[in-house]
Amino acid sequence: MTEHQQQEQGGGITPEVLKSAMKAFKKRLKLTALDEDSRLGRGPLSGGSMGVFAIQPPSRFPREVWEELCRLGKLRDSGHGLYELAKGD
């Protein structure tokens, strides 16, 4: 049973779904940053990594989950469907 199906049956967003969504978000953020840092074409004298701050969240969770995480202060909506970790995380 997926997280989305559990949410529909329970009528609300469970803490387990929020925890799973947050874990998936952090993993995607880390992988996106690693992918960006490993790109070819970056000059050897161009400095360090640019850093990735906002990403599109994993699509297996509904938008309501991401909005709830923003409301709880764990994520920040950067606009255009992108989210970033809130300060302190």
PDB file of N, CA and C in Angstrom:
ATOM      1  N   MET A   1       0.844  -1.170   0.000  1.00  0.00           N
ATOM      2  CA  MET A   1       0.000   0.000   0.000  1.00  0.00           C
ATOM      3  C   MET A   1       0.892   1.237   0.000  1.00  0.00           C
ATOM      4  N   THR A   2       0.604   2.173  -0.880  1.00  0.00           N
ATOM      5  CA  THR A   2       1.427   3.374  -0.973  1.00  0.00           C
ATOM      6  C   THR A   2       1.021   4.385   0.085  1.00  0.00           C
ATOM      7  N   GLU A   3       1.865   5.392   0.261  1.00  0.00           N
ATOM      8  CA  GLU A   3       1.581   6.435   1.229  1.00  0.00           C
ATOM      9  C   GLU A   3       0.301   7.180   0.868  1.00  0.00           C
ATOM     10  N   HIS A   4       0.093   7.378  -0.433  1.00  0.00           N
ATOM     11  CA  HIS A   4      -1.087   8.103  -0.896  1.00  0.00           C
ATOM     12  C   HIS A   4      -2.359   7.330  -0.553  1.00  0.00           C
ATOM     13  N   GLN A   5      -2.349   6.010  -0.715  1.00  0.00           N
ATOM     14  CA  GLN A   5      -3.511   5.193  -0.392  1.00  0.00           C
ATOM     15  C   GLN A   5      -3.776   5.206   1.109  1.00  0.00           C
ATOM     16  N   GLN A   6      -2.720   5.197   1.909  1.00  0.00           N
ATOM     17  CA  GLN A   6      -2.887   5.252   3.358  1.00  0.00           C
ATOM     18  C   GLN A   6      -3.530   6.569   3.766  1.00  0.00           C
ATOM     19  N   GLN A   7      -3.122   7.645   3.105  1.00  0.00           N
ATOM     20  CA  GLN A   7      -3.672   8.959   3.419  1.00  0.00           C
ATOM     21  C   GLN A   7      -5.159   9.003   3.099  1.00  0.00           C
ATOM     22  N   GLU A   8      -5.546   8.458   1.940  1.00  0.00           N
ATOM     23  CA  GLU A   8      -6.946   8.484   1.542  1.00  0.00           C
ATOM     24  C   GLU A   8      -7.809   7.667   2.500  1.00  0.00           C
ATOM     25  N   GLN A   9      -7.304   6.531   2.973  1.00  0.00           N
ATOM     26  CA  GLN A   9      -8.075   5.696   3.874  1.00  0.00           C
ATOM     27  C   GLN A   9      -8.201   6.330   5.253  1.00  0.00           C
ATOM     28  N   GLY A  10      -7.155   6.948   5.721  1.00  0.00           N
ATOM     29  CA  GLY A  10      -7.161   7.525   7.054  1.00  0.00           C
ATOM     30  C   GLY A  10      -7.868   8.865   7.128  1.00  0.00           C
ATOM     31  N   GLY A  11      -8.049   9.537   5.998  1.00  0.00           N
ATOM     32  CA  GLY A  11      -8.718  10.815   5.994  1.00  0.00           C
ATOM     33  C   GLY A  11      -7.800  11.984   6.281  1.00  0.00           C
ATOM     34  N   GLY A  12      -6.588  11.748   6.746  1.00  0.00           N
ATOM     35  CA  GLY A  12      -5.642  12.816   7.035  1.00  0.00           C
ATOM     36  C   GLY A  12      -4.238  12.361   6.731  1.00  0.00           C
ATOM     37  N   ILE A  13      -3.330  13.270   6.903  1.00  0.00           N
ATOM     38  CA  ILE A  13      -1.926  12.950   6.644  1.00  0.00           C
ATOM     39  C   ILE A  13      -1.318  12.453   7.945  1.00  0.00           C
ATOM     40  N   THR A  14      -0.859  11.222   7.928  1.00  0.00           N
ATOM     41  CA  THR A  14      -0.300  10.621   9.136  1.00  0.00           C
ATOM     42  C   THR A  14       1.150  11.064   9.331  1.00  0.00           C
ATOM     43  N   PRO A  15       1.629  11.015  10.561  1.00  0.00           N
ATOM     44  CA  PRO A  15       3.038  11.347  10.817  1.00  0.00           C
ATOM     45  C   PRO A  15       4.007  10.440  10.049  1.00  0.00           C
ATOM     46  N   GLU A  16       3.605   9.190   9.818  1.00  0.00           N
ATOM     47  CA  GLU A  16       4.467   8.268   9.066  1.00  0.00           C
ATOM     48  C   GLU A  16       4.635   8.732   7.622  1.00  0.00           C
ATOM     49  N   VAL A  17       3.548   9.224   7.032  1.00  0.00           N
ATOM     50  CA  VAL A  17       3.603   9.727   5.655  1.00  0.00           C
ATOM     51  C   VAL A  17       4.481  10.967   5.594  1.00  0.00           C
ATOM     52  N   LEU A  18       4.340  11.861   6.568  1.00  0.00           N
ATOM     53  CA  LEU A  18       5.163  13.077   6.597  1.00  0.00           C
ATOM     54  C   LEU A  18       6.641  12.728   6.758  1.00  0.00           C
ATOM     55  N   LYS A  19       6.920  11.761   7.624  1.00  0.00           N
ATOM     56  CA  LYS A  19       8.310  11.344   7.844  1.00  0.00           C
ATOM     57  C   LYS A  19       8.890  10.719   6.573  1.00  0.00           C
ATOM     58  N   SER A  20       8.112   9.882   5.922  1.00  0.00           N
ATOM     59  CA  SER A  20       8.558   9.242   4.684  1.00  0.00           C
ATOM     60  C   SER A  20       8.767  10.268   3.576  1.00  0.00           C
ATOM     61  N   ALA A  21       7.864  11.242   3.479  1.00  0.00           N
ATOM     62  CA  ALA A  21       7.993  12.291   2.466  1.00  0.00           C
ATOM     63  C   ALA A  21       9.236  13.141   2.713  1.00  0.00           C
ATOM     64  N   MET A  22       9.482  13.459   3.968  1.00  0.00           N
ATOM     65  CA  MET A  22      10.660  14.268   4.308  1.00  0.00           C
ATOM     66  C   MET A  22      11.940  13.507   3.986  1.00  0.00           C
ATOM     67  N   LYS A  23      11.964  12.223   4.266  1.00  0.00           N
ATOM     68  CA  LYS A  23      13.132  11.395   3.958  1.00  0.00           C
ATOM     69  C   LYS A  23      13.360  11.343   2.446  1.00  0.00           C
ATOM     70  N   ALA A  24      12.289  11.165   1.681  1.00  0.00           N
ATOM     71  CA  ALA A  24      12.396  11.124   0.224  1.00  0.00           C
ATOM     72  C   ALA A  24      12.858  12.471  -0.327  1.00  0.00           C
ATOM     73  N   PHE A  25      12.374  13.568   0.260  1.00  0.00           N
ATOM     74  CA  PHE A  25      12.779  14.903  -0.180  1.00  0.00           C
ATOM     75  C   PHE A  25      14.266  15.120   0.046  1.00  0.00           C
ATOM     76  N   LYS A  26      14.745  14.782   1.245  1.00  0.00           N
ATOM     77  CA  LYS A  26      16.159  14.976   1.556  1.00  0.00           C
ATOM     78  C   LYS A  26      17.052  14.118   0.659  1.00  0.00           C
ATOM     79  N   LYS A  27      16.612  12.898   0.361  1.00  0.00           N
ATOM     80  CA  LYS A  27      17.389  12.026  -0.508  1.00  0.00           C
ATOM     81  C   LYS A  27      17.462  12.607  -1.916  1.00  0.00           C
ATOM     82  N   ARG A  28      16.329  13.088  -2.439  1.00  0.00           N
ATOM     83  CA  ARG A  28      16.333  13.682  -3.782  1.00  0.00           C
ATOM     84  C   ARG A  28      17.178  14.951  -3.811  1.00  0.00           C
ATOM     85  N   LEU A  29      17.121  15.759  -2.766  1.00  0.00           N
ATOM     86  CA  LEU A  29      17.923  16.974  -2.696  1.00  0.00           C
ATOM     87  C   LEU A  29      19.413  16.632  -2.731  1.00  0.00           C
ATOM     88  N   LYS A  30      19.800  15.623  -1.973  1.00  0.00           N
ATOM     89  CA  LYS A  30      21.204  15.202  -1.925  1.00  0.00           C
ATOM     90  C   LYS A  30      21.656  14.690  -3.288  1.00  0.00           C
ATOM     91  N   LEU A  31      20.846  13.839  -3.925  1.00  0.00           N
ATOM     92  CA  LEU A  31      21.210  13.296  -5.230  1.00  0.00           C
ATOM     93  C   LEU A  31      21.253  14.372  -6.305  1.00  0.00           C
ATOM     94  N   THR A  32      20.345  15.320  -6.239  1.00  0.00           N
ATOM     95  CA  THR A  32      20.340  16.421  -7.204  1.00  0.00           C
ATOM     96  C   THR A  32      21.587  17.283  -7.041  1.00  0.00           C
ATOM     97  N   ALA A  33      21.977  17.544  -5.815  1.00  0.00           N
ATOM     98  CA  ALA A  33      23.182  18.331  -5.560  1.00  0.00           C
ATOM     99  C   ALA A  33      24.429  17.596  -6.052  1.00  0.00           C
ATOM    100  N   LEU A  34      24.512  16.294  -5.788  1.00  0.00           N
ATOM    101  CA  LEU A  34      25.656  15.513  -6.261  1.00  0.00           C
ATOM    102  C   LEU A  34      25.722  15.486  -7.782  1.00  0.00           C
ATOM    103  N   ASP A  35      24.575  15.351  -8.417  1.00  0.00           N
ATOM    104  CA  ASP A  35      24.518  15.341  -9.877  1.00  0.00           C
ATOM    105  C   ASP A  35      24.969  16.677 -10.440  1.00  0.00           C
ATOM    106  N   GLU A  36      24.532  17.754  -9.838  1.00  0.00           N
ATOM    107  CA  GLU A  36      24.907  19.093 -10.302  1.00  0.00           C
ATOM    108  C   GLU A  36      26.402  19.336 -10.113  1.00  0.00           C
ATOM    109  N   ASP A  37      26.954  18.888  -9.018  1.00  0.00           N
ATOM    110  CA  ASP A  37      28.380  19.091  -8.743  1.00  0.00           C
ATOM    111  C   ASP A  37      29.278  18.262  -9.656  1.00  0.00           C
ATOM    112  N   SER A  38      28.774  17.158 -10.181  1.00  0.00           N
ATOM    113  CA  SER A  38      29.608  16.282 -10.996  1.00  0.00           C
ATOM    114  C   SER A  38      29.515  16.582 -12.491  1.00  0.00           C
ATOM    115  N   ARG A  39      28.824  17.616 -12.870  1.00  0.00           N
ATOM    116  CA  ARG A  39      28.662  17.935 -14.292  1.00  0.00           C
ATOM    117  C   ARG A  39      29.990  18.291 -14.948  1.00  0.00           C
ATOM    118  N   LEU A  40      30.114  17.852 -16.188  1.00  0.00           N
ATOM    119  CA  LEU A  40      31.258  18.241 -16.996  1.00  0.00           C
ATOM    120  C   LEU A  40      31.016  19.645 -17.532  1.00  0.00           C
ATOM    121  N   GLY A  41      32.084  20.291 -17.927  1.00  0.00           N
ATOM    122  CA  GLY A  41      31.943  21.617 -18.488  1.00  0.00           C
ATOM    123  C   GLY A  41      32.171  22.722 -17.490  1.00  0.00           C
ATOM    124  N   ARG A  42      32.363  22.353 -16.280  1.00  0.00           N
ATOM    125  CA  ARG A  42      32.662  23.337 -15.256  1.00  0.00           C
ATOM    126  C   ARG A  42      34.171  23.579 -15.283  1.00  0.00           C
ATOM    127  N   GLY A  43      34.556  24.804 -15.355  1.00  0.00           N
ATOM    128  CA  GLY A  43      35.973  25.137 -15.432  1.00  0.00           C
ATOM    129  C   GLY A  43      36.727  24.760 -14.175  1.00  0.00           C
ATOM    130  N   PRO A  44      38.003  24.379 -14.308  1.00  0.00           N
ATOM    131  CA  PRO A  44      38.781  23.984 -13.131  1.00  0.00           C
ATOM    132  C   PRO A  44      39.039  25.142 -12.176  1.00  0.00           C
ATOM    133  N   LEU A  45      38.941  26.364 -12.659  1.00  0.00           N
ATOM    134  CA  LEU A  45      39.182  27.523 -11.805  1.00  0.00           C
ATOM    135  C   LEU A  45      37.898  28.257 -11.446  1.00  0.00           C
ATOM    136  N   SER A  46      36.787  27.618 -11.679  1.00  0.00           N
ATOM    137  CA  SER A  46      35.506  28.294 -11.473  1.00  0.00           C
ATOM    138  C   SER A  46      35.066  28.311 -10.015  1.00  0.00           C
ATOM    139  N   GLY A  47      35.814  27.722  -9.166  1.00  0.00           N
ATOM    140  CA  GLY A  47      35.428  27.714  -7.754  1.00  0.00           C
ATOM    141  C   GLY A  47      34.778  26.407  -7.371  1.00  0.00           C
ATOM    142  N   GLY A  48      34.235  26.368  -6.202  1.00  0.00           N
ATOM    143  CA  GLY A  48      33.618  25.152  -5.682  1.00  0.00           C
ATOM    144  C   GLY A  48      32.244  24.903  -6.257  1.00  0.00           C
ATOM    145  N   SER A  49      31.511  24.124  -5.551  1.00  0.00           N
ATOM    146  CA  SER A  49      30.165  23.779  -6.010  1.00  0.00           C
ATOM    147  C   SER A  49      29.245  24.983  -5.864  1.00  0.00           C
ATOM    148  N   MET A  50      28.284  25.070  -6.757  1.00  0.00           N
ATOM    149  CA  MET A  50      27.309  26.155  -6.711  1.00  0.00           C
ATOM    150  C   MET A  50      26.250  25.878  -5.650  1.00  0.00           C
ATOM    151  N   GLY A  51      25.902  24.622  -5.477  1.00  0.00           N
ATOM    152  CA  GLY A  51      24.893  24.255  -4.491  1.00  0.00           C
ATOM    153  C   GLY A  51      23.501  24.260  -5.090  1.00  0.00           C
ATOM    154  N   VAL A  52      22.710  23.326  -4.650  1.00  0.00           N
ATOM    155  CA  VAL A  52      21.316  23.224  -5.041  1.00  0.00           C
ATOM    156  C   VAL A  52      20.510  23.471  -3.787  1.00  0.00           C
ATOM    157  N   PHE A  53      19.559  24.390  -3.860  1.00  0.00           N
ATOM    158  CA  PHE A  53      18.800  24.735  -2.670  1.00  0.00           C
ATOM    159  C   PHE A  53      17.341  24.319  -2.757  1.00  0.00           C
ATOM    160  N   ALA A  54      16.743  24.423  -3.944  1.00  0.00           N
ATOM    161  CA  ALA A  54      15.326  24.108  -4.102  1.00  0.00           C
ATOM    162  C   ALA A  54      15.154  23.065  -5.200  1.00  0.00           C
ATOM    163  N   ILE A  55      14.244  22.128  -4.963  1.00  0.00           N
ATOM    164  CA  ILE A  55      13.988  21.071  -5.932  1.00  0.00           C
ATOM    165  C   ILE A  55      12.483  20.839  -6.042  1.00  0.00           C
ATOM    166  N   GLN A  56      12.106  20.136  -7.100  1.00  0.00           N
ATOM    167  CA  GLN A  56      10.726  19.680  -7.222  1.00  0.00           C
ATOM    168  C   GLN A  56      10.603  18.426  -6.376  1.00  0.00           C
ATOM    169  N   PRO A  57       9.635  18.359  -5.480  1.00  0.00           N
ATOM    170  CA  PRO A  57       9.540  17.209  -4.576  1.00  0.00           C
ATOM    171  C   PRO A  57       9.130  15.934  -5.318  1.00  0.00           C
ATOM    172  N   PRO A  58       9.417  14.781  -4.734  1.00  0.00           N
ATOM    173  CA  PRO A  58       9.021  13.511  -5.352  1.00  0.00           C
ATOM    174  C   PRO A  58       7.516  13.477  -5.632  1.00  0.00           C
ATOM    175  N   SER A  59       7.161  13.004  -6.811  1.00  0.00           N
ATOM    176  CA  SER A  59       5.762  13.051  -7.248  1.00  0.00           C
ATOM    177  C   SER A  59       4.899  11.943  -6.644  1.00  0.00           C
ATOM    178  N   ARG A  60       5.502  11.011  -5.926  1.00  0.00           N
ATOM    179  CA  ARG A  60       4.691   9.930  -5.357  1.00  0.00           C
ATOM    180  C   ARG A  60       3.873  10.391  -4.155  1.00  0.00           C
ATOM    181  N   PHE A  61       4.149  11.591  -3.656  1.00  0.00           N
ATOM    182  CA  PHE A  61       3.377  12.168  -2.565  1.00  0.00           C
ATOM    183  C   PHE A  61       2.522  13.304  -3.123  1.00  0.00           C
ATOM    184  N   PRO A  62       1.292  13.442  -2.641  1.00  0.00           N
ATOM    185  CA  PRO A  62       0.431  14.518  -3.138  1.00  0.00           C
ATOM    186  C   PRO A  62       0.891  15.892  -2.645  1.00  0.00           C
ATOM    187  N   ARG A  63       0.422  16.900  -3.316  1.00  0.00           N
ATOM    188  CA  ARG A  63       0.791  18.276  -2.995  1.00  0.00           C
ATOM    189  C   ARG A  63       0.433  18.639  -1.543  1.00  0.00           C
ATOM    190  N   GLU A  64      -0.638  18.065  -1.041  1.00  0.00           N
ATOM    191  CA  GLU A  64      -1.078  18.365   0.327  1.00  0.00           C
ATOM    192  C   GLU A  64      -0.008  18.001   1.357  1.00  0.00           C
ATOM    193  N   VAL A  65       0.750  16.938   1.084  1.00  0.00           N
ATOM    194  CA  VAL A  65       1.819  16.526   2.005  1.00  0.00           C
ATOM    195  C   VAL A  65       2.890  17.611   2.065  1.00  0.00           C
ATOM    196  N   TRP A  66       3.272  18.139   0.910  1.00  0.00           N
ATOM    197  CA  TRP A  66       4.318  19.172   0.871  1.00  0.00           C
ATOM    198  C   TRP A  66       3.822  20.468   1.509  1.00  0.00           C
ATOM    199  N   GLU A  67       2.549  20.792   1.305  1.00  0.00           N
ATOM    200  CA  GLU A  67       1.984  21.980   1.942  1.00  0.00           C
ATOM    201  C   GLU A  67       1.948  21.828   3.462  1.00  0.00           C
ATOM    202  N   GLU A  68       1.646  20.614   3.927  1.00  0.00           N
ATOM    203  CA  GLU A  68       1.626  20.359   5.374  1.00  0.00           C
ATOM    204  C   GLU A  68       3.032  20.479   5.960  1.00  0.00           C
ATOM    205  N   LEU A  69       4.038  19.985   5.255  1.00  0.00           N
ATOM    206  CA  LEU A  69       5.424  20.110   5.733  1.00  0.00           C
ATOM    207  C   LEU A  69       5.849  21.577   5.769  1.00  0.00           C
ATOM    208  N   CYS A  70       5.360  22.380   4.835  1.00  0.00           N
ATOM    209  CA  CYS A  70       5.632  23.823   4.873  1.00  0.00           C
ATOM    210  C   CYS A  70       4.952  24.454   6.087  1.00  0.00           C
ATOM    211  N   ARG A  71       3.707  24.059   6.324  1.00  0.00           N
ATOM    212  CA  ARG A  71       2.965  24.600   7.461  1.00  0.00           C
ATOM    213  C   ARG A  71       3.640  24.260   8.788  1.00  0.00           C
ATOM    214  N   LEU A  72       4.257  23.071   8.841  1.00  0.00           N
ATOM    215  CA  LEU A  72       4.956  22.642  10.052  1.00  0.00           C
ATOM    216  C   LEU A  72       6.337  23.272  10.189  1.00  0.00           C
ATOM    217  N   GLY A  73       6.790  23.981   9.167  1.00  0.00           N
ATOM    218  CA  GLY A  73       8.076  24.665   9.227  1.00  0.00           C
ATOM    219  C   GLY A  73       9.262  23.811   8.836  1.00  0.00           C
ATOM    220  N   LYS A  74       9.020  22.659   8.235  1.00  0.00           N
ATOM    221  CA  LYS A  74      10.127  21.787   7.832  1.00  0.00           C
ATOM    222  C   LYS A  74      10.631  22.125   6.434  1.00  0.00           C
ATOM    223  N   LEU A  75       9.744  22.614   5.558  1.00  0.00           N
ATOM    224  CA  LEU A  75      10.095  23.016   4.196  1.00  0.00           C
ATOM    225  C   LEU A  75       9.622  24.437   3.948  1.00  0.00           C
ATOM    226  N   ARG A  76      10.166  25.032   2.894  1.00  0.00           N
ATOM    227  CA  ARG A  76       9.736  26.355   2.456  1.00  0.00           C
ATOM    228  C   ARG A  76       9.373  26.287   0.992  1.00  0.00           C
ATOM    229  N   ASP A  77       8.267  26.873   0.615  1.00  0.00           N
ATOM    230  CA  ASP A  77       7.838  26.919  -0.776  1.00  0.00           C
ATOM    231  C   ASP A  77       8.629  28.015  -1.477  1.00  0.00           C
ATOM    232  N   SER A  78       9.385  27.638  -2.521  1.00  0.00           N
ATOM    233  CA  SER A  78      10.199  28.599  -3.257  1.00  0.00           C
ATOM    234  C   SER A  78       9.476  29.122  -4.491  1.00  0.00           C
ATOM    235  N   GLY A  79       8.275  28.656  -4.726  1.00  0.00           N
ATOM    236  CA  GLY A  79       7.516  29.080  -5.888  1.00  0.00           C
ATOM    237  C   GLY A  79       7.766  28.173  -7.075  1.00  0.00           C
ATOM    238  N   HIS A  80       6.859  28.211  -8.028  1.00  0.00           N
ATOM    239  CA  HIS A  80       6.962  27.429  -9.267  1.00  0.00           C
ATOM    240  C   HIS A  80       7.082  25.930  -9.004  1.00  0.00           C
ATOM    241  N   GLY A  81       6.496  25.434  -7.918  1.00  0.00           N
ATOM    242  CA  GLY A  81       6.518  24.008  -7.613  1.00  0.00           C
ATOM    243  C   GLY A  81       7.806  23.514  -6.988  1.00  0.00           C
ATOM    244  N   LEU A  82       8.669  24.429  -6.573  1.00  0.00           N
ATOM    245  CA  LEU A  82       9.936  24.055  -5.944  1.00  0.00           C
ATOM    246  C   LEU A  82       9.860  24.285  -4.436  1.00  0.00           C
ATOM    247  N   TYR A  83      10.542  23.403  -3.716  1.00  0.00           N
ATOM    248  CA  TYR A  83      10.589  23.510  -2.257  1.00  0.00           C
ATOM    249  C   TYR A  83      12.039  23.415  -1.810  1.00  0.00           C
ATOM    250  N   GLU A  84      12.315  24.005  -0.648  1.00  0.00           N
ATOM    251  CA  GLU A  84      13.651  23.925  -0.056  1.00  0.00           C
ATOM    252  C   GLU A  84      13.525  23.632   1.419  1.00  0.00           C
ATOM    253  N   LEU A  85      14.603  23.143   2.010  1.00  0.00           N
ATOM    254  CA  LEU A  85      14.610  22.888   3.442  1.00  0.00           C
ATOM    255  C   LEU A  85      14.511  24.208   4.185  1.00  0.00           C
ATOM    256  N   ALA A  86      13.760  24.216   5.257  1.00  0.00           N
ATOM    257  CA  ALA A  86      13.651  25.406   6.089  1.00  0.00           C
ATOM    258  C   ALA A  86      14.974  25.629   6.807  1.00  0.00           C
ATOM    259  N   LYS A  87      15.218  26.813   7.197  1.00  0.00           N
ATOM    260  CA  LYS A  87      16.459  27.129   7.921  1.00  0.00           C
ATOM    261  C   LYS A  87      16.550  26.290   9.181  1.00  0.00           C
ATOM    262  N   GLY A  88      17.734  25.774   9.463  1.00  0.00           N
ATOM    263  CA  GLY A  88      17.946  24.984  10.659  1.00  0.00           C
ATOM    264  C   GLY A  88      17.851  23.486  10.431  1.00  0.00           C
ATOM    265  N   ASP A  89      17.383  23.046   9.254  1.00  0.00           N
ATOM    266  CA  ASP A  89      17.309  21.610   8.954  1.00  0.00           C
ATOM    267  C   ASP A  89      18.516  21.169   8.156  1.00  0.00           C
TER     268      ASP A  89
END
